[in-house]
Protein backbone atom coordinates (compact mmCIF):
# COMPACT_ATOMS: atom_id res chain seq x y z
CA MET A 1 53.51 -32.10 -24.25
CA ALA A 2 52.97 -34.55 -21.80
CA GLU A 3 54.01 -38.03 -22.54
CA GLU A 4 51.01 -40.31 -22.39
CA LYS A 5 51.48 -43.33 -19.74
CA THR A 6 50.05 -46.79 -20.05
CA ILE A 7 48.54 -48.13 -16.65
CA THR A 8 47.92 -51.83 -16.50
CA LEU A 9 44.71 -52.32 -14.41
CA LYS A 10 43.23 -55.67 -12.92
CA GLU A 11 39.88 -56.61 -14.69
CA SER A 12 38.11 -56.16 -11.25
CA GLU A 13 39.93 -52.48 -10.55
CA TYR A 14 38.90 -51.14 -14.37
CA SER A 15 35.22 -52.44 -13.60
CA LYS A 16 35.12 -50.28 -10.26
CA LEU A 17 36.73 -47.36 -11.87
CA LYS A 18 34.10 -47.52 -14.84
CA GLU A 19 31.22 -48.06 -12.21
CA GLU A 20 32.68 -44.54 -10.35
CA ALA A 21 32.71 -42.95 -14.07
CA GLU A 22 29.02 -43.74 -14.33
CA LYS A 23 28.12 -42.49 -11.01
CA ALA A 24 30.29 -39.46 -11.46
CA THR A 25 28.39 -38.67 -14.77
CA GLU A 26 25.30 -39.63 -13.07
CA HIS A 27 26.02 -37.35 -10.31
CA TRP A 28 27.11 -34.43 -12.88
CA ASP A 29 23.79 -34.81 -14.95
CA LYS A 30 21.71 -34.64 -11.74
CA LEU A 31 23.64 -31.42 -10.81
CA LEU A 32 23.06 -29.65 -14.14
CA ARG A 33 19.25 -30.69 -14.04
CA LEU A 34 18.75 -29.28 -10.49
CA GLN A 35 20.55 -26.23 -11.67
CA ALA A 36 18.01 -25.93 -14.27
CA ASP A 37 14.99 -26.72 -12.10
CA PHE A 38 16.54 -23.98 -10.01
CA GLU A 39 16.60 -21.45 -12.24
CA ASN A 40 13.24 -22.34 -13.83
CA THR A 41 11.98 -21.77 -10.25
CA ARG A 42 13.49 -18.64 -9.95
CA LYS A 43 12.28 -16.94 -13.30
CA ARG A 44 8.65 -18.73 -12.47
CA LEU A 45 9.02 -16.75 -8.95
CA ASP A 46 10.06 -13.40 -10.59
CA ARG A 47 7.09 -13.54 -13.16
CA GLU A 48 4.47 -14.43 -10.18
CA LYS A 49 5.97 -11.65 -7.90
CA GLN A 50 5.53 -9.23 -10.83
CA ASP A 51 2.13 -10.44 -11.58
CA PHE A 52 1.42 -10.28 -7.68
CA VAL A 53 2.37 -6.28 -7.84
CA LYS A 54 0.89 -5.72 -11.16
CA PHE A 55 -2.31 -7.14 -9.87
CA ALA A 56 -2.36 -6.45 -6.38
CA ASN A 57 -4.92 -3.40 -6.37
CA GLU A 58 -7.47 -5.57 -8.63
CA GLY A 59 -9.81 -6.09 -5.92
CA ILE A 60 -10.28 -2.40 -4.74
CA ILE A 61 -10.32 -1.30 -8.43
CA PHE A 62 -13.09 -4.08 -9.36
CA GLU A 63 -14.96 -2.55 -6.14
CA LEU A 64 -14.39 1.04 -7.46
CA LEU A 65 -15.97 0.25 -10.86
CA ASN A 66 -19.52 0.15 -9.20
CA ILE A 67 -18.65 3.37 -7.38
CA LEU A 68 -17.54 4.89 -10.83
CA ASP A 69 -20.48 3.51 -12.74
CA ASP A 70 -22.57 5.56 -9.99
CA LEU A 71 -20.92 8.76 -10.37
CA GLU A 72 -21.33 8.57 -14.04
CA ARG A 73 -24.82 8.12 -13.82
CA ALA A 74 -24.86 10.99 -11.17
CA VAL A 75 -23.31 13.46 -13.84
CA ASP A 76 -25.63 12.33 -16.76
CA LEU A 77 -28.51 13.10 -14.81
CA ALA A 78 -26.93 16.69 -13.91
CA GLU A 79 -26.40 17.12 -17.65
CA GLN A 80 -30.10 16.85 -18.31
CA LYS A 81 -30.39 19.96 -16.02
CA HIS A 82 -33.22 18.42 -13.73
CA GLN A 83 -34.49 20.72 -11.46
CA ASP A 84 -34.76 18.68 -8.23
CA PHE A 85 -30.99 18.81 -7.29
CA SER A 86 -32.26 17.26 -3.84
CA ALA A 87 -32.65 14.30 -5.92
CA PHE A 88 -29.09 14.77 -7.26
CA LEU A 89 -27.86 15.35 -3.37
CA LYS A 90 -29.48 12.71 -2.35
CA GLY A 91 -27.74 10.53 -4.88
CA VAL A 92 -24.28 11.78 -4.46
CA GLU A 93 -24.46 11.31 -0.62
CA MET A 94 -25.50 7.34 -1.47
CA ILE A 95 -22.60 7.07 -3.54
CA LEU A 96 -20.22 8.85 -0.87
CA ALA A 97 -21.74 6.17 1.66
CA HIS A 98 -21.21 2.94 -0.53
CA LEU A 99 -17.59 4.37 -1.11
CA TYR A 100 -16.85 4.70 2.62
CA GLU A 101 -18.39 1.28 3.25
CA MET A 102 -16.35 -0.55 0.52
CA LEU A 103 -13.11 1.72 1.80
CA LYS A 104 -13.80 0.23 5.29
CA GLU A 105 -13.90 -3.57 4.15
CA PHE A 106 -10.07 -2.85 2.70
CA GLY A 107 -9.28 -1.63 6.07
CA LEU A 108 -9.98 1.95 5.88
CA LYS A 109 -10.84 3.99 8.80
CA PRO A 110 -11.08 7.95 9.29
CA ILE A 111 -8.71 9.64 12.15
CA GLU A 112 -10.59 11.17 14.94
CA ALA A 113 -9.43 14.43 15.38
CA GLU A 114 -11.86 17.37 16.21
CA GLY A 115 -12.29 17.69 20.12
CA LYS A 116 -9.00 15.34 20.61
CA ILE A 117 -5.54 16.54 22.02
CA PHE A 118 -3.00 16.88 19.36
CA ASN A 119 -1.49 13.78 18.42
CA PRO A 120 1.83 14.36 15.70
CA ASN A 121 1.17 10.57 14.98
CA PHE A 122 -1.97 11.30 13.51
CA HIS A 123 -2.51 14.91 12.84
CA GLU A 124 -0.81 17.50 10.94
CA ALA A 125 -1.31 20.76 12.66
CA LEU A 126 -1.96 23.55 9.78
CA MET A 127 -2.97 26.56 12.43
CA GLN A 128 -2.69 27.76 15.94
CA VAL A 129 -5.97 29.65 16.92
CA GLU A 130 -6.39 31.09 20.31
CA ASN A 131 -9.20 29.41 22.53
CA LYS A 132 -9.29 30.10 26.26
CA GLY A 133 -12.47 27.44 26.42
CA LEU A 134 -10.43 24.27 25.27
CA PRO A 135 -6.97 22.97 27.04
CA GLU A 136 -3.90 23.63 24.85
CA HIS A 137 -3.57 21.40 21.67
CA THR A 138 -7.18 20.64 21.42
CA ILE A 139 -7.89 20.37 18.02
CA VAL A 140 -10.67 22.98 17.04
CA GLU A 141 -11.13 22.15 13.55
CA GLU A 142 -10.35 19.51 11.13
CA LEU A 143 -9.21 20.90 7.57
CA GLN A 144 -8.52 17.62 6.10
CA LYS A 145 -9.63 14.26 7.18
CA GLY A 146 -6.48 11.68 7.93
CA TYR A 147 -7.16 7.69 7.83
CA LEU A 148 -5.43 4.46 8.64
CA LEU A 149 -5.01 1.70 6.83
CA ASN A 150 -5.46 -1.47 8.40
CA ASP A 151 -4.44 0.45 11.80
CA ARG A 152 -1.21 2.18 9.93
CA VAL A 153 -1.68 5.86 9.06
CA LEU A 154 -2.17 6.40 5.40
CA ARG A 155 -2.68 10.35 5.69
CA THR A 156 -2.38 12.35 8.86
CA ALA A 157 -5.21 14.38 9.44
CA LYS A 158 -4.80 18.37 8.65
CA VAL A 159 -5.93 20.42 11.81
CA LYS A 160 -6.42 23.55 13.66
CA VAL A 161 -5.18 23.54 17.04
CA ALA A 162 -6.05 25.59 19.83
CA VAL A 163 -3.37 27.34 22.09
CA GLN A 164 -3.56 30.08 25.12
CA LYS A 165 -2.68 33.66 24.74
CA ALA A 166 1.40 34.04 25.25
CA ASP A 167 2.32 37.33 26.88
CA GLY A 168 -0.70 39.32 25.94
CA ALA A 169 -0.33 38.46 22.25
CA VAL A 170 -2.63 35.79 20.31
CA LYS A 171 -0.25 32.77 18.93
CA THR A 172 -1.44 32.05 15.49
CA GLU A 173 0.58 31.10 12.59
CA GLU A 174 0.07 29.33 9.75
CA ILE A 175 2.32 26.16 8.49
CA ASP A 176 3.55 25.38 5.01
CA THR A 177 1.04 23.08 3.62
CA ASP A 178 3.02 22.10 0.59
CA LYS A 179 5.06 19.80 2.98
CA LYS A 180 5.00 16.17 1.53
CA ASP A 181 4.00 12.99 3.55
């Protein structure tokens, strides 16, 4: 065990030492409060981030509710077995136009395909067909639309591409459509 020693200090030295100890205690308390504030801020930011992720699609989902309502009304109308299918078709076309317009407002636009030259950044070739009237790699048919979201490819357009005859044989092939994007 260590022996305790007695030290004699002048009153001014004792006062100064006591003052420094009080400052050290204040700094320690301040450090503890700052650590607690930092931890609380971190937890709050984590909660806000989780809420942001959770509700990031709230705006688009809210807009889709109107279209959902319109589709439900169209189904109800069809279930009533009205004979005027032209009115039903017109209603569905109006709903589709409304959906396209709403998605456009969120930055969605279709990728142009048919008649364009194949570009692997925007198109996925599912088939090749012989076509002497078009330049090689011209898209002759769009099998599924592709879309850009804020100028970034969301889904490539699935297309059929023109090729020229090779060695007297027609180059045609189907490509696996189960490929994941």
